[in-house]
PDB file of N, CA and C in Angstrom:
ATOM      1  N   UNK A   1       1.599 -26.725  35.043  1.00  0.00           N
ATOM      2  CA  UNK A   1       1.480 -27.712  36.227  1.00  0.00           C
ATOM      3  C   UNK A   1      -0.021 -27.378  36.108  1.00  0.00           C
ATOM      4  N   UNK A   2      -0.813 -28.544  36.430  1.00  0.00           N
ATOM      5  CA  UNK A   2      -2.245 -28.761  36.596  1.00  0.00           C
ATOM      6  C   UNK A   2      -2.580 -28.374  38.171  1.00  0.00           C
ATOM      7  N   UNK A   3      -3.379 -27.944  37.959  1.00  0.00           N
ATOM      8  CA  UNK A   3      -3.923 -27.582  39.825  1.00  0.00           C
ATOM      9  C   UNK A   3      -4.697 -28.473  40.028  1.00  0.00           C
ATOM     10  N   UNK A   4      -5.147 -29.230  41.366  1.00  0.00           N
ATOM     11  CA  UNK A   4      -6.198 -30.016  41.473  1.00  0.00           C
ATOM     12  C   UNK A   4      -7.479 -29.132  42.328  1.00  0.00           C
ATOM     13  N   UNK A   5      -8.649 -29.214  41.873  1.00  0.00           N
ATOM     14  CA  UNK A   5      -9.931 -28.550  42.389  1.00  0.00           C
ATOM     15  C   UNK A   5     -10.091 -29.241  43.732  1.00  0.00           C
ATOM     16  N   UNK A   6      -9.648 -28.389  44.618  1.00  0.00           N
ATOM     17  CA  UNK A   6     -10.149 -29.026  46.234  1.00  0.00           C
ATOM     18  C   UNK A   6     -11.140 -28.286  46.607  1.00  0.00           C
ATOM     19  N   UNK A   7     -11.509 -27.102  46.101  1.00  0.00           N
ATOM     20  CA  UNK A   7     -12.981 -26.714  46.740  1.00  0.00           C
ATOM     21  C   UNK A   7     -13.786 -26.729  45.550  1.00  0.00           C
ATOM     22  N   UNK A   8     -14.686 -27.424  45.700  1.00  0.00           N
ATOM     23  CA  UNK A   8     -15.843 -27.723  45.185  1.00  0.00           C
ATOM     24  C   UNK A   8     -17.441 -27.578  45.682  1.00  0.00           C
ATOM     25  N   UNK A   9     -17.522 -27.168  46.831  1.00  0.00           N
ATOM     26  CA  UNK A   9     -18.829 -27.174  47.589  1.00  0.00           C
ATOM     27  C   UNK A   9     -19.323 -25.668  47.461  1.00  0.00           C
ATOM     28  N   UNK A  10     -20.320 -25.514  47.472  1.00  0.00           N
ATOM     29  CA  UNK A  10     -21.142 -24.052  47.690  1.00  0.00           C
ATOM     30  C   UNK A  10     -21.989 -23.983  48.470  1.00  0.00           C
ATOM     31  N   UNK A  11     -21.838 -22.947  49.493  1.00  0.00           N
ATOM     32  CA  UNK A  11     -23.134 -22.963  50.482  1.00  0.00           C
ATOM     33  C   UNK A  11     -23.592 -21.842  50.411  1.00  0.00           C
ATOM     34  N   UNK A  12     -24.876 -21.869  50.668  1.00  0.00           N
ATOM     35  CA  UNK A  12     -25.341 -20.199  50.736  1.00  0.00           C
ATOM     36  C   UNK A  12     -25.857 -19.976  52.433  1.00  0.00           C
ATOM     37  N   UNK A  13     -25.663 -19.067  52.874  1.00  0.00           N
ATOM     38  CA  UNK A  13     -26.094 -18.618  54.327  1.00  0.00           C
ATOM     39  C   UNK A  13     -26.829 -17.670  54.369  1.00  0.00           C
ATOM     40  N   UNK A  14     -27.587 -17.195  55.501  1.00  0.00           N
ATOM     41  CA  UNK A  14     -27.942 -15.876  55.615  1.00  0.00           C
ATOM     42  C   UNK A  14     -27.390 -15.607  57.102  1.00  0.00           C
ATOM     43  N   UNK A  15     -27.293 -14.302  56.962  1.00  0.00           N
ATOM     44  CA  UNK A  15     -26.389 -13.460  58.182  1.00  0.00           C
ATOM     45  C   UNK A  15     -26.970 -12.137  58.855  1.00  0.00           C
ATOM     46  N   UNK A  16     -27.070 -11.676  59.883  1.00  0.00           N
ATOM     47  CA  UNK A  16     -27.465 -10.689  60.435  1.00  0.00           C
ATOM     48  C   UNK A  16     -26.622  -9.404  59.548  1.00  0.00           C
ATOM     49  N   UNK A  17     -26.761  -8.060  59.282  1.00  0.00           N
ATOM     50  CA  UNK A  17     -26.153  -7.183  58.895  1.00  0.00           C
ATOM     51  C   UNK A  17     -24.817  -7.246  59.604  1.00  0.00           C
ATOM     52  N   UNK A  18     -24.986  -7.368  61.171  1.00  0.00           N
ATOM     53  CA  UNK A  18     -23.874  -7.233  61.978  1.00  0.00           C
ATOM     54  C   UNK A  18     -23.055  -8.311  61.916  1.00  0.00           C
ATOM     55  N   UNK A  19     -23.224  -9.467  61.897  1.00  0.00           N
ATOM     56  CA  UNK A  19     -22.428 -10.868  61.597  1.00  0.00           C
ATOM     57  C   UNK A  19     -21.710 -10.641  60.349  1.00  0.00           C
ATOM     58  N   UNK A  20     -22.144 -10.097  59.470  1.00  0.00           N
ATOM     59  CA  UNK A  20     -21.740  -9.957  57.925  1.00  0.00           C
ATOM     60  C   UNK A  20     -20.844  -9.114  58.054  1.00  0.00           C
ATOM     61  N   UNK A  21     -20.458  -7.714  59.024  1.00  0.00           N
ATOM     62  CA  UNK A  21     -19.941  -6.612  59.213  1.00  0.00           C
ATOM     63  C   UNK A  21     -18.836  -7.442  59.637  1.00  0.00           C
ATOM     64  N   UNK A  22     -18.852  -8.206  61.201  1.00  0.00           N
ATOM     65  CA  UNK A  22     -17.679  -9.003  61.610  1.00  0.00           C
ATOM     66  C   UNK A  22     -16.817  -9.553  60.743  1.00  0.00           C
ATOM     67  N   UNK A  23     -17.978 -10.416  59.941  1.00  0.00           N
ATOM     68  CA  UNK A  23     -17.050 -11.599  59.019  1.00  0.00           C
ATOM     69  C   UNK A  23     -16.310 -10.649  58.059  1.00  0.00           C
ATOM     70  N   UNK A  24     -16.545  -9.520  57.573  1.00  0.00           N
ATOM     71  CA  UNK A  24     -15.949  -8.608  56.466  1.00  0.00           C
ATOM     72  C   UNK A  24     -14.482  -8.138  57.466  1.00  0.00           C
ATOM     73  N   UNK A  25     -14.965  -7.382  58.847  1.00  0.00           N
ATOM     74  CA  UNK A  25     -13.570  -6.803  59.173  1.00  0.00           C
ATOM     75  C   UNK A  25     -12.501  -8.245  59.710  1.00  0.00           C
ATOM     76  N   UNK A  26     -13.278  -9.318  60.225  1.00  0.00           N
ATOM     77  CA  UNK A  26     -11.804 -10.530  60.540  1.00  0.00           C
ATOM     78  C   UNK A  26     -11.447 -10.723  59.251  1.00  0.00           C
ATOM     79  N   UNK A  27     -12.215 -10.790  57.816  1.00  0.00           N
ATOM     80  CA  UNK A  27     -11.427 -11.286  57.010  1.00  0.00           C
ATOM     81  C   UNK A  27     -10.268 -10.271  56.343  1.00  0.00           C
ATOM     82  N   UNK A  28     -10.913  -9.005  56.468  1.00  0.00           N
ATOM     83  CA  UNK A  28      -9.898  -7.661  55.922  1.00  0.00           C
ATOM     84  C   UNK A  28      -8.530  -7.801  57.120  1.00  0.00           C
ATOM     85  N   UNK A  29      -8.729  -8.136  58.505  1.00  0.00           N
ATOM     86  CA  UNK A  29      -7.758  -7.763  59.069  1.00  0.00           C
ATOM     87  C   UNK A  29      -6.589  -8.956  59.022  1.00  0.00           C
ATOM     88  N   UNK A  30      -6.963  -9.742  58.791  1.00  0.00           N
ATOM     89  CA  UNK A  30      -6.242 -11.298  58.338  1.00  0.00           C
ATOM     90  C   UNK A  30      -5.661 -11.474  56.917  1.00  0.00           C
ATOM     91  N   UNK A  31      -6.296 -10.408  55.973  1.00  0.00           N
ATOM     92  CA  UNK A  31      -6.103 -10.067  54.474  1.00  0.00           C
ATOM     93  C   UNK A  31      -6.462 -11.329  53.871  1.00  0.00           C
ATOM     94  N   UNK A  32      -7.609 -11.815  54.031  1.00  0.00           N
ATOM     95  CA  UNK A  32      -8.112 -13.218  53.782  1.00  0.00           C
ATOM     96  C   UNK A  32      -9.550 -13.114  52.771  1.00  0.00           C
ATOM     97  N   UNK A  33      -9.942 -13.645  52.000  1.00  0.00           N
ATOM     98  CA  UNK A  33     -10.969 -13.896  51.160  1.00  0.00           C
ATOM     99  C   UNK A  33     -12.264 -14.546  52.231  1.00  0.00           C
ATOM    100  N   UNK A  34     -13.255 -13.920  52.005  1.00  0.00           N
ATOM    101  CA  UNK A  34     -14.506 -14.188  52.863  1.00  0.00           C
ATOM    102  C   UNK A  34     -14.713 -15.628  53.143  1.00  0.00           C
ATOM    103  N   UNK A  35     -14.526 -16.319  51.837  1.00  0.00           N
ATOM    104  CA  UNK A  35     -14.812 -17.518  51.892  1.00  0.00           C
ATOM    105  C   UNK A  35     -13.322 -18.447  52.915  1.00  0.00           C
ATOM    106  N   UNK A  36     -12.281 -18.012  52.709  1.00  0.00           N
ATOM    107  CA  UNK A  36     -11.234 -18.958  53.445  1.00  0.00           C
ATOM    108  C   UNK A  36     -11.014 -18.288  54.962  1.00  0.00           C
ATOM    109  N   UNK A  37     -11.956 -16.996  55.082  1.00  0.00           N
ATOM    110  CA  UNK A  37     -12.354 -16.387  56.612  1.00  0.00           C
ATOM    111  C   UNK A  37     -12.894 -17.448  57.290  1.00  0.00           C
ATOM    112  N   UNK A  38     -14.028 -17.594  56.528  1.00  0.00           N
ATOM    113  CA  UNK A  38     -15.248 -18.733  57.147  1.00  0.00           C
ATOM    114  C   UNK A  38     -14.626 -20.063  57.136  1.00  0.00           C
ATOM    115  N   UNK A  39     -13.700 -20.348  56.070  1.00  0.00           N
ATOM    116  CA  UNK A  39     -13.310 -21.899  56.201  1.00  0.00           C
ATOM    117  C   UNK A  39     -12.336 -21.962  57.392  1.00  0.00           C
ATOM    118  N   UNK A  40     -11.399 -20.985  57.641  1.00  0.00           N
ATOM    119  CA  UNK A  40     -10.415 -21.343  59.025  1.00  0.00           C
ATOM    120  C   UNK A  40     -11.046 -20.941  59.994  1.00  0.00           C
ATOM    121  N   UNK A  41     -11.999 -20.086  60.402  1.00  0.00           N
ATOM    122  CA  UNK A  41     -12.712 -20.111  61.519  1.00  0.00           C
ATOM    123  C   UNK A  41     -13.635 -21.428  62.112  1.00  0.00           C
ATOM    124  N   UNK A  42     -14.174 -21.931  60.718  1.00  0.00           N
ATOM    125  CA  UNK A  42     -14.722 -23.042  61.291  1.00  0.00           C
ATOM    126  C   UNK A  42     -14.226 -24.100  61.752  1.00  0.00           C
ATOM    127  N   UNK A  43     -13.278 -24.511  61.097  1.00  0.00           N
ATOM    128  CA  UNK A  43     -12.168 -25.401  61.285  1.00  0.00           C
ATOM    129  C   UNK A  43     -11.383 -25.107  62.771  1.00  0.00           C
ATOM    130  N   UNK A  44     -10.797 -23.821  63.053  1.00  0.00           N
ATOM    131  CA  UNK A  44     -10.766 -23.959  64.377  1.00  0.00           C
ATOM    132  C   UNK A  44     -11.560 -24.065  65.210  1.00  0.00           C
ATOM    133  N   UNK A  45     -12.958 -23.499  65.047  1.00  0.00           N
ATOM    134  CA  UNK A  45     -13.752 -23.745  65.966  1.00  0.00           C
ATOM    135  C   UNK A  45     -14.038 -25.078  66.238  1.00  0.00           C
ATOM    136  N   UNK A  46     -14.074 -26.221  65.115  1.00  0.00           N
ATOM    137  CA  UNK A  46     -14.162 -27.498  65.502  1.00  0.00           C
ATOM    138  C   UNK A  46     -13.110 -28.141  66.002  1.00  0.00           C
ATOM    139  N   UNK A  47     -11.667 -27.766  65.915  1.00  0.00           N
ATOM    140  CA  UNK A  47     -10.554 -28.110  66.708  1.00  0.00           C
ATOM    141  C   UNK A  47     -10.807 -27.640  68.291  1.00  0.00           C
ATOM    142  N   UNK A  48     -11.160 -26.498  68.761  1.00  0.00           N
ATOM    143  CA  UNK A  48     -11.020 -25.927  70.126  1.00  0.00           C
ATOM    144  C   UNK A  48     -12.148 -26.471  70.682  1.00  0.00           C
ATOM    145  N   UNK A  49     -13.184 -27.036  70.136  1.00  0.00           N
ATOM    146  CA  UNK A  49     -14.767 -27.556  70.976  1.00  0.00           C
ATOM    147  C   UNK A  49     -14.698 -29.084  70.862  1.00  0.00           C
ATOM    148  N   UNK A  50     -13.680 -29.671  70.142  1.00  0.00           N
ATOM    149  CA  UNK A  50     -13.482 -31.139  69.694  1.00  0.00           C
ATOM    150  C   UNK A  50     -14.554 -31.709  68.705  1.00  0.00           C
ATOM    151  N   UNK A  51     -14.830 -30.747  67.749  1.00  0.00           N
ATOM    152  CA  UNK A  51     -15.690 -31.383  67.058  1.00  0.00           C
ATOM    153  C   UNK A  51     -15.282 -32.150  65.680  1.00  0.00           C
ATOM    154  N   UNK A  52     -15.322 -33.628  65.746  1.00  0.00           N
ATOM    155  CA  UNK A  52     -14.959 -34.412  64.973  1.00  0.00           C
ATOM    156  C   UNK A  52     -15.395 -34.322  63.775  1.00  0.00           C
ATOM    157  N   UNK A  53     -14.599 -34.069  62.538  1.00  0.00           N
ATOM    158  CA  UNK A  53     -14.975 -33.914  60.956  1.00  0.00           C
ATOM    159  C   UNK A  53     -14.823 -35.077  60.365  1.00  0.00           C
ATOM    160  N   UNK A  54     -16.006 -35.721  59.856  1.00  0.00           N
ATOM    161  CA  UNK A  54     -15.620 -36.769  59.015  1.00  0.00           C
ATOM    162  C   UNK A  54     -14.859 -36.887  57.822  1.00  0.00           C
ATOM    163  N   UNK A  55     -14.361 -38.041  57.815  1.00  0.00           N
ATOM    164  CA  UNK A  55     -13.446 -37.993  56.380  1.00  0.00           C
ATOM    165  C   UNK A  55     -14.084 -38.106  55.236  1.00  0.00           C
ATOM    166  N   UNK A  56     -13.263 -37.658  54.310  1.00  0.00           N
ATOM    167  CA  UNK A  56     -14.013 -37.653  53.026  1.00  0.00           C
ATOM    168  C   UNK A  56     -14.011 -38.536  52.342  1.00  0.00           C
ATOM    169  N   UNK A  57     -15.589 -38.872  51.467  1.00  0.00           N
ATOM    170  CA  UNK A  57     -15.688 -40.030  51.111  1.00  0.00           C
ATOM    171  C   UNK A  57     -14.454 -40.523  49.617  1.00  0.00           C
ATOM    172  N   UNK A  58     -14.407 -41.729  49.563  1.00  0.00           N
ATOM    173  CA  UNK A  58     -12.945 -41.762  48.729  1.00  0.00           C
ATOM    174  C   UNK A  58     -13.848 -41.509  47.186  1.00  0.00           C
ATOM    175  N   UNK A  59     -12.725 -40.930  46.463  1.00  0.00           N
ATOM    176  CA  UNK A  59     -12.883 -40.944  45.119  1.00  0.00           C
ATOM    177  C   UNK A  59     -13.210 -42.281  44.481  1.00  0.00           C
ATOM    178  N   UNK A  60     -13.022 -43.546  44.856  1.00  0.00           N
ATOM    179  CA  UNK A  60     -13.182 -44.905  44.404  1.00  0.00           C
ATOM    180  C   UNK A  60     -14.929 -45.232  44.403  1.00  0.00           C
ATOM    181  N   UNK A  61     -15.045 -44.651  45.482  1.00  0.00           N
ATOM    182  CA  UNK A  61     -16.682 -44.623  45.710  1.00  0.00           C
ATOM    183  C   UNK A  61     -17.643 -44.137  44.613  1.00  0.00           C
ATOM    184  N   UNK A  62     -17.195 -42.701  44.435  1.00  0.00           N
ATOM    185  CA  UNK A  62     -17.656 -42.211  43.542  1.00  0.00           C
ATOM    186  C   UNK A  62     -17.213 -42.412  42.225  1.00  0.00           C
ATOM    187  N   UNK A  63     -16.644 -42.664  41.713  1.00  0.00           N
ATOM    188  CA  UNK A  63     -16.287 -43.463  40.466  1.00  0.00           C
ATOM    189  C   UNK A  63     -16.970 -44.656  40.176  1.00  0.00           C
ATOM    190  N   UNK A  64     -17.107 -45.752  41.301  1.00  0.00           N
ATOM    191  CA  UNK A  64     -17.707 -46.783  40.874  1.00  0.00           C
ATOM    192  C   UNK A  64     -19.617 -46.489  40.826  1.00  0.00           C
ATOM    193  N   UNK A  65     -19.789 -45.309  41.538  1.00  0.00           N
ATOM    194  CA  UNK A  65     -21.390 -44.794  41.116  1.00  0.00           C
ATOM    195  C   UNK A  65     -21.660 -44.366  39.921  1.00  0.00           C
ATOM    196  N   UNK A  66     -20.618 -43.848  39.469  1.00  0.00           N
ATOM    197  CA  UNK A  66     -20.488 -42.833  38.285  1.00  0.00           C
ATOM    198  C   UNK A  66     -20.708 -43.880  37.003  1.00  0.00           C
ATOM    199  N   UNK A  67     -19.738 -44.937  37.232  1.00  0.00           N
ATOM    200  CA  UNK A  67     -19.849 -45.894  36.463  1.00  0.00           C
ATOM    201  C   UNK A  67     -21.151 -46.819  36.423  1.00  0.00           C
ATOM    202  N   UNK A  68     -21.875 -46.910  37.739  1.00  0.00           N
ATOM    203  CA  UNK A  68     -22.989 -47.560  37.742  1.00  0.00           C
ATOM    204  C   UNK A  68     -24.003 -47.185  37.135  1.00  0.00           C
ATOM    205  N   UNK A  69     -24.132 -45.668  36.985  1.00  0.00           N
ATOM    206  CA  UNK A  69     -25.165 -44.834  36.380  1.00  0.00           C
ATOM    207  C   UNK A  69     -25.011 -44.931  34.994  1.00  0.00           C
ATOM    208  N   UNK A  70     -23.685 -44.899  34.517  1.00  0.00           N
ATOM    209  CA  UNK A  70     -23.623 -44.962  32.788  1.00  0.00           C
ATOM    210  C   UNK A  70     -24.077 -46.310  32.350  1.00  0.00           C
ATOM    211  N   UNK A  71     -23.614 -47.320  33.100  1.00  0.00           N
ATOM    212  CA  UNK A  71     -23.964 -48.891  32.794  1.00  0.00           C
ATOM    213  C   UNK A  71     -25.650 -48.822  32.580  1.00  0.00           C
ATOM    214  N   UNK A  72     -26.307 -48.056  33.657  1.00  0.00           N
ATOM    215  CA  UNK A  72     -27.946 -48.374  33.846  1.00  0.00           C
ATOM    216  C   UNK A  72     -28.202 -47.510  32.770  1.00  0.00           C
ATOM    217  N   UNK A  73     -27.897 -46.320  32.083  1.00  0.00           N
ATOM    218  CA  UNK A  73     -28.020 -45.588  30.976  1.00  0.00           C
ATOM    219  C   UNK A  73     -28.030 -46.191  29.828  1.00  0.00           C
ATOM    220  N   UNK A  74     -26.950 -47.109  29.713  1.00  0.00           N
ATOM    221  CA  UNK A  74     -26.740 -47.960  28.384  1.00  0.00           C
ATOM    222  C   UNK A  74     -27.856 -49.073  28.404  1.00  0.00           C
ATOM    223  N   UNK A  75     -28.066 -49.598  29.500  1.00  0.00           N
ATOM    224  CA  UNK A  75     -29.194 -50.614  29.317  1.00  0.00           C
ATOM    225  C   UNK A  75     -30.450 -50.089  29.068  1.00  0.00           C
ATOM    226  N   UNK A  76     -30.924 -49.065  29.603  1.00  0.00           N
ATOM    227  CA  UNK A  76     -32.006 -48.410  29.131  1.00  0.00           C
ATOM    228  C   UNK A  76     -32.039 -48.351  27.767  1.00  0.00           C
ATOM    229  N   UNK A  77     -30.769 -47.417  27.130  1.00  0.00           N
ATOM    230  CA  UNK A  77     -30.787 -47.009  26.040  1.00  0.00           C
ATOM    231  C   UNK A  77     -30.988 -48.475  24.916  1.00  0.00           C
ATOM    232  N   UNK A  78     -30.412 -49.490  25.319  1.00  0.00           N
ATOM    233  CA  UNK A  78     -30.380 -50.490  24.653  1.00  0.00           C
ATOM    234  C   UNK A  78     -31.854 -51.320  24.327  1.00  0.00           C
ATOM    235  N   UNK A  79     -32.790 -51.324  25.381  1.00  0.00           N
ATOM    236  CA  UNK A  79     -33.828 -51.395  25.472  1.00  0.00           C
ATOM    237  C   UNK A  79     -34.925 -51.384  24.578  1.00  0.00           C
TER     238      UNK A  79
END
C-alpha cells in the first residue's frame, strides 16, 4: 500500500516558554504530537471564529507550471 504524503508544508514559529509548555501539555493530555495538536487547534479556531480557509491549489496547475519550467530549460539548453 502506497501512502500519499499529505503533510508537505514546514513552518517555524517562536513561542514564549509559557506558550510552549501549554502546547506540550495540551498535546500530552490528548496524546497527540505537537504538530497534530497545532493543526487541530488551528483548524478548530478557524471553525469557531468563522475564518474561511482557502481551497488548495489544484495539482494540475502545479503540473502545468512544472512542465513550463522544463520546457524553458530545454529551450535555453538548446540555444
